[in-house]
């Protein structure tokens, strides 16, 4: 490979940008020849404000489909956009709350979200969807991390629901993992639903995902 593949990421969120940088430095992708390489050795990310529209949908894939299309209309280059939400395990077929997680979170805050939804200890799936629009069509890539919700916010990294989501096999929330000097953001991205979705997209991009409308 003579040069890195550029990925236009429609986001202005500094927490998300920091996660992408950590992912580039620590997470591998499988190359077309079966070998592996760190994401940052193969791809370079450019963050741009696509001013995306986020319709209110429980189904995160439907929501991201609209979101990345609107970002593409602004940027006019192949790009990706992401949205993530929580899905209570007993409501997985209903995708609940899914895309409704953020407005509920924004209205209630961390502690009241857990209290109002009676979710302390509740089995929950963290689901992320990355949408890729190449100018011809949209493809969505889903990543999931199983876990549960803490009984109260724990940790200092107040990025969405990082203070209440405890990934399966862990006793710490995402935020507490980031606070721990021995683990930090690198450990968080290794567990993250967003990383899983991103790797799926990048491996697609390496094989047959090159945009046809652009060199």
Protein backbone atom coordinates (compact mmCIF):
# COMPACT_ATOMS: atom_id res chain seq x y z
CA UNK A 1 0.00 0.00 0.00
CA UNK A 2 1.57 3.27 -1.13
CA UNK A 3 -0.59 5.65 0.91
CA UNK A 4 -3.20 5.64 3.61
CA UNK A 5 -6.89 5.49 2.81
CA UNK A 6 -8.69 8.66 3.83
CA UNK A 7 -11.96 8.34 5.72
CA UNK A 8 -14.17 11.40 6.13
CA UNK A 9 -15.91 11.14 9.51
CA UNK A 10 -18.87 13.44 10.09
CA UNK A 11 -18.38 14.42 13.73
CA UNK A 12 -17.29 17.41 15.77
CA UNK A 13 -17.44 15.58 19.12
CA UNK A 14 -14.04 15.77 20.87
CA UNK A 15 -14.69 12.58 22.86
CA UNK A 16 -15.40 10.64 19.67
CA UNK A 17 -12.34 12.10 17.96
CA UNK A 18 -10.17 11.04 20.91
CA UNK A 19 -11.61 7.51 20.70
CA UNK A 20 -10.83 7.30 17.00
CA UNK A 21 -7.22 8.35 17.64
CA UNK A 22 -6.90 5.69 20.36
CA UNK A 23 -8.47 3.12 18.06
CA UNK A 24 -6.00 3.95 15.28
CA UNK A 25 -3.08 3.37 17.66
CA UNK A 26 -4.26 0.09 19.18
CA UNK A 27 -6.83 -1.83 17.12
CA UNK A 28 -5.94 -3.99 14.08
CA UNK A 29 -7.87 -4.73 10.92
CA UNK A 30 -7.59 -7.80 8.73
CA UNK A 31 -6.05 -6.97 5.38
CA UNK A 32 -7.26 -8.52 2.10
CA UNK A 33 -4.26 -10.89 2.08
CA UNK A 34 -5.16 -12.21 5.54
CA UNK A 35 -2.49 -10.31 7.43
CA UNK A 36 -3.31 -7.71 10.05
CA UNK A 37 -2.27 -4.10 10.54
CA UNK A 38 -3.06 -1.33 12.96
CA UNK A 39 -5.89 0.88 11.76
CA UNK A 40 -3.66 3.96 11.95
CA UNK A 41 -1.11 2.37 9.61
CA UNK A 42 -3.75 1.89 6.92
CA UNK A 43 -6.30 4.67 7.37
CA UNK A 44 -6.28 8.36 8.14
CA UNK A 45 -9.39 10.05 9.51
CA UNK A 46 -10.52 13.55 8.65
CA UNK A 47 -13.20 14.98 10.94
CA UNK A 48 -15.69 17.32 9.33
CA UNK A 49 -18.98 18.88 10.31
CA UNK A 50 -21.58 17.30 8.08
CA UNK A 51 -24.37 19.01 10.03
CA UNK A 52 -26.33 15.76 9.96
CA UNK A 53 -30.04 15.46 10.59
CA UNK A 54 -30.95 12.86 13.22
CA UNK A 55 -34.60 11.81 12.92
CA UNK A 56 -36.20 10.30 16.01
CA UNK A 57 -36.17 6.54 15.41
CA UNK A 58 -35.94 3.59 17.77
CA UNK A 59 -34.16 1.61 15.05
CA UNK A 60 -30.58 2.87 15.05
CA UNK A 61 -29.91 1.62 11.51
CA UNK A 62 -32.82 3.64 10.12
CA UNK A 63 -31.65 6.64 12.09
CA UNK A 64 -28.05 6.39 10.85
CA UNK A 65 -29.20 5.83 7.28
CA UNK A 66 -30.87 9.28 7.38
CA UNK A 67 -27.96 10.79 9.32
CA UNK A 68 -25.20 9.82 6.89
CA UNK A 69 -27.30 10.76 3.85
CA UNK A 70 -27.78 14.24 5.26
CA UNK A 71 -24.05 14.49 6.04
CA UNK A 72 -23.22 13.44 2.48
CA UNK A 73 -25.51 16.14 1.09
CA UNK A 74 -23.51 18.70 3.06
CA UNK A 75 -20.00 17.34 2.46
CA UNK A 76 -20.49 15.94 -1.08
CA UNK A 77 -17.77 13.32 -0.57
CA UNK A 78 -17.96 9.70 0.64
CA UNK A 79 -18.28 9.82 4.42
CA UNK A 80 -19.30 7.97 7.51
CA UNK A 81 -21.52 8.94 10.44
CA UNK A 82 -22.29 7.10 13.64
CA UNK A 83 -24.92 6.91 16.32
CA UNK A 84 -25.07 4.68 19.37
CA UNK A 85 -27.69 3.81 21.92
CA UNK A 86 -28.65 1.39 24.64
CA UNK A 87 -31.01 -1.51 24.04
CA UNK A 88 -32.51 -3.25 27.05
CA UNK A 89 -31.97 -6.98 26.55
CA UNK A 90 -35.62 -7.87 27.17
CA UNK A 91 -36.65 -5.37 24.49
CA UNK A 92 -34.04 -6.26 21.88
CA UNK A 93 -36.71 -7.09 19.27
CA UNK A 94 -38.24 -3.65 19.77
CA UNK A 95 -34.85 -1.87 19.62
CA UNK A 96 -35.80 -0.02 22.81
CA UNK A 97 -34.73 2.57 23.73
CA UNK A 98 -32.24 2.48 20.83
CA UNK A 99 -32.35 5.79 19.00
CA UNK A 100 -34.49 7.23 21.79
CA UNK A 101 -31.62 6.86 24.27
CA UNK A 102 -30.11 10.27 23.58
CA UNK A 103 -33.26 12.42 23.96
CA UNK A 104 -34.12 10.48 27.12
CA UNK A 105 -30.57 10.97 28.40
CA UNK A 106 -30.54 14.66 27.50
CA UNK A 107 -33.84 15.21 29.31
CA UNK A 108 -33.10 13.16 32.43
CA UNK A 109 -29.33 13.05 32.92
CA UNK A 110 -27.37 10.03 34.07
CA UNK A 111 -28.87 9.39 37.52
CA UNK A 112 -32.48 10.04 36.56
CA UNK A 113 -32.14 7.94 33.40
CA UNK A 114 -31.26 4.92 35.54
CA UNK A 115 -33.95 5.72 38.11
CA UNK A 116 -36.76 6.56 35.68
CA UNK A 117 -36.18 3.42 33.60
CA UNK A 118 -35.67 1.22 36.72
CA UNK A 119 -32.42 0.09 35.14
CA UNK A 120 -29.94 -0.48 37.98
CA UNK A 121 -28.33 -3.84 37.18
CA UNK A 122 -30.41 -4.22 34.03
CA UNK A 123 -28.97 -6.35 31.25
CA UNK A 124 -28.31 -3.99 28.37
CA UNK A 125 -26.72 -4.02 24.93
CA UNK A 126 -24.65 -1.05 23.85
CA UNK A 127 -25.23 -0.80 20.10
CA UNK A 128 -23.40 1.42 17.62
CA UNK A 129 -24.19 1.84 13.94
CA UNK A 130 -21.81 3.37 11.40
CA UNK A 131 -23.33 4.45 8.12
CA UNK A 132 -21.22 4.83 4.99
CA UNK A 133 -22.48 6.80 2.01
CA UNK A 134 -20.31 6.57 -1.11
CA UNK A 135 -22.55 8.71 -3.29
CA UNK A 136 -24.47 5.76 -4.70
CA UNK A 137 -25.88 3.97 -1.67
CA UNK A 138 -25.73 3.71 2.11
CA UNK A 139 -24.40 0.70 3.96
CA UNK A 140 -24.67 0.27 7.73
CA UNK A 141 -22.32 -1.61 10.04
CA UNK A 142 -23.43 -2.65 13.52
CA UNK A 143 -21.33 -3.28 16.62
CA UNK A 144 -22.63 -4.49 19.97
CA UNK A 145 -21.24 -4.91 23.48
CA UNK A 146 -23.27 -6.73 26.10
CA UNK A 147 -23.32 -5.45 29.65
CA UNK A 148 -25.47 -3.96 32.36
CA UNK A 149 -26.25 -0.58 33.89
CA UNK A 150 -24.74 0.63 37.14
CA UNK A 151 -27.03 1.80 39.94
CA UNK A 152 -25.56 5.32 39.75
CA UNK A 153 -23.13 7.31 37.58
CA UNK A 154 -19.53 6.29 38.22
CA UNK A 155 -16.40 7.82 36.71
CA UNK A 156 -15.37 11.22 35.42
CA UNK A 157 -15.65 10.82 31.64
CA UNK A 158 -19.08 12.26 30.98
CA UNK A 159 -19.46 11.10 27.40
CA UNK A 160 -23.04 10.02 26.82
CA UNK A 161 -23.72 6.93 28.96
CA UNK A 162 -20.08 6.04 29.69
CA UNK A 163 -20.74 6.70 33.40
CA UNK A 164 -23.42 4.01 33.73
CA UNK A 165 -22.63 1.24 31.22
CA UNK A 166 -20.65 -1.72 32.59
CA UNK A 167 -19.43 -4.05 29.82
CA UNK A 168 -19.87 -7.79 30.38
CA UNK A 169 -17.00 -9.32 32.32
CA UNK A 170 -16.08 -5.98 33.92
CA UNK A 171 -17.02 -4.37 37.22
CA UNK A 172 -16.24 -0.81 36.10
CA UNK A 173 -18.21 1.53 33.89
CA UNK A 174 -16.67 2.76 30.66
CA UNK A 175 -15.91 6.05 32.43
CA UNK A 176 -14.12 4.30 35.32
CA UNK A 177 -12.09 2.25 32.85
CA UNK A 178 -10.98 5.50 31.22
CA UNK A 179 -10.08 6.94 34.64
CA UNK A 180 -7.84 3.96 35.48
CA UNK A 181 -4.24 4.79 34.50
CA UNK A 182 -3.49 1.10 33.91
CA UNK A 183 -6.33 0.74 31.40
CA UNK A 184 -7.52 4.09 30.10
CA UNK A 185 -9.10 4.93 26.78
CA UNK A 186 -7.21 2.13 24.98
CA UNK A 187 -9.04 -0.49 27.05
CA UNK A 188 -12.36 1.26 26.57
CA UNK A 189 -12.08 1.28 22.78
CA UNK A 190 -11.07 -2.40 22.81
CA UNK A 191 -14.41 -3.19 24.49
CA UNK A 192 -16.48 -0.63 22.64
CA UNK A 193 -19.43 -1.31 20.36
CA UNK A 194 -18.23 1.63 18.23
CA UNK A 195 -14.88 -0.03 17.58
CA UNK A 196 -16.61 -3.23 16.48
CA UNK A 197 -18.78 -1.31 14.01
CA UNK A 198 -15.79 0.68 12.76
CA UNK A 199 -13.66 -2.42 12.13
CA UNK A 200 -16.50 -3.95 10.09
CA UNK A 201 -16.69 -0.81 7.96
CA UNK A 202 -12.93 -0.52 7.48
CA UNK A 203 -12.55 -4.16 6.45
CA UNK A 204 -15.39 -3.67 3.97
CA UNK A 205 -13.65 -0.56 2.68
CA UNK A 206 -10.44 -2.54 2.17
CA UNK A 207 -12.12 -5.23 0.09
CA UNK A 208 -14.91 -3.86 -2.07
CA UNK A 209 -15.89 -0.58 -0.51
CA UNK A 210 -13.93 1.88 -2.65
CA UNK A 211 -16.28 4.65 -3.86
CA UNK A 212 -16.97 4.42 -7.59
CA UNK A 213 -17.72 8.09 -8.13
CA UNK A 214 -14.35 9.29 -6.87
CA UNK A 215 -10.73 8.37 -7.65
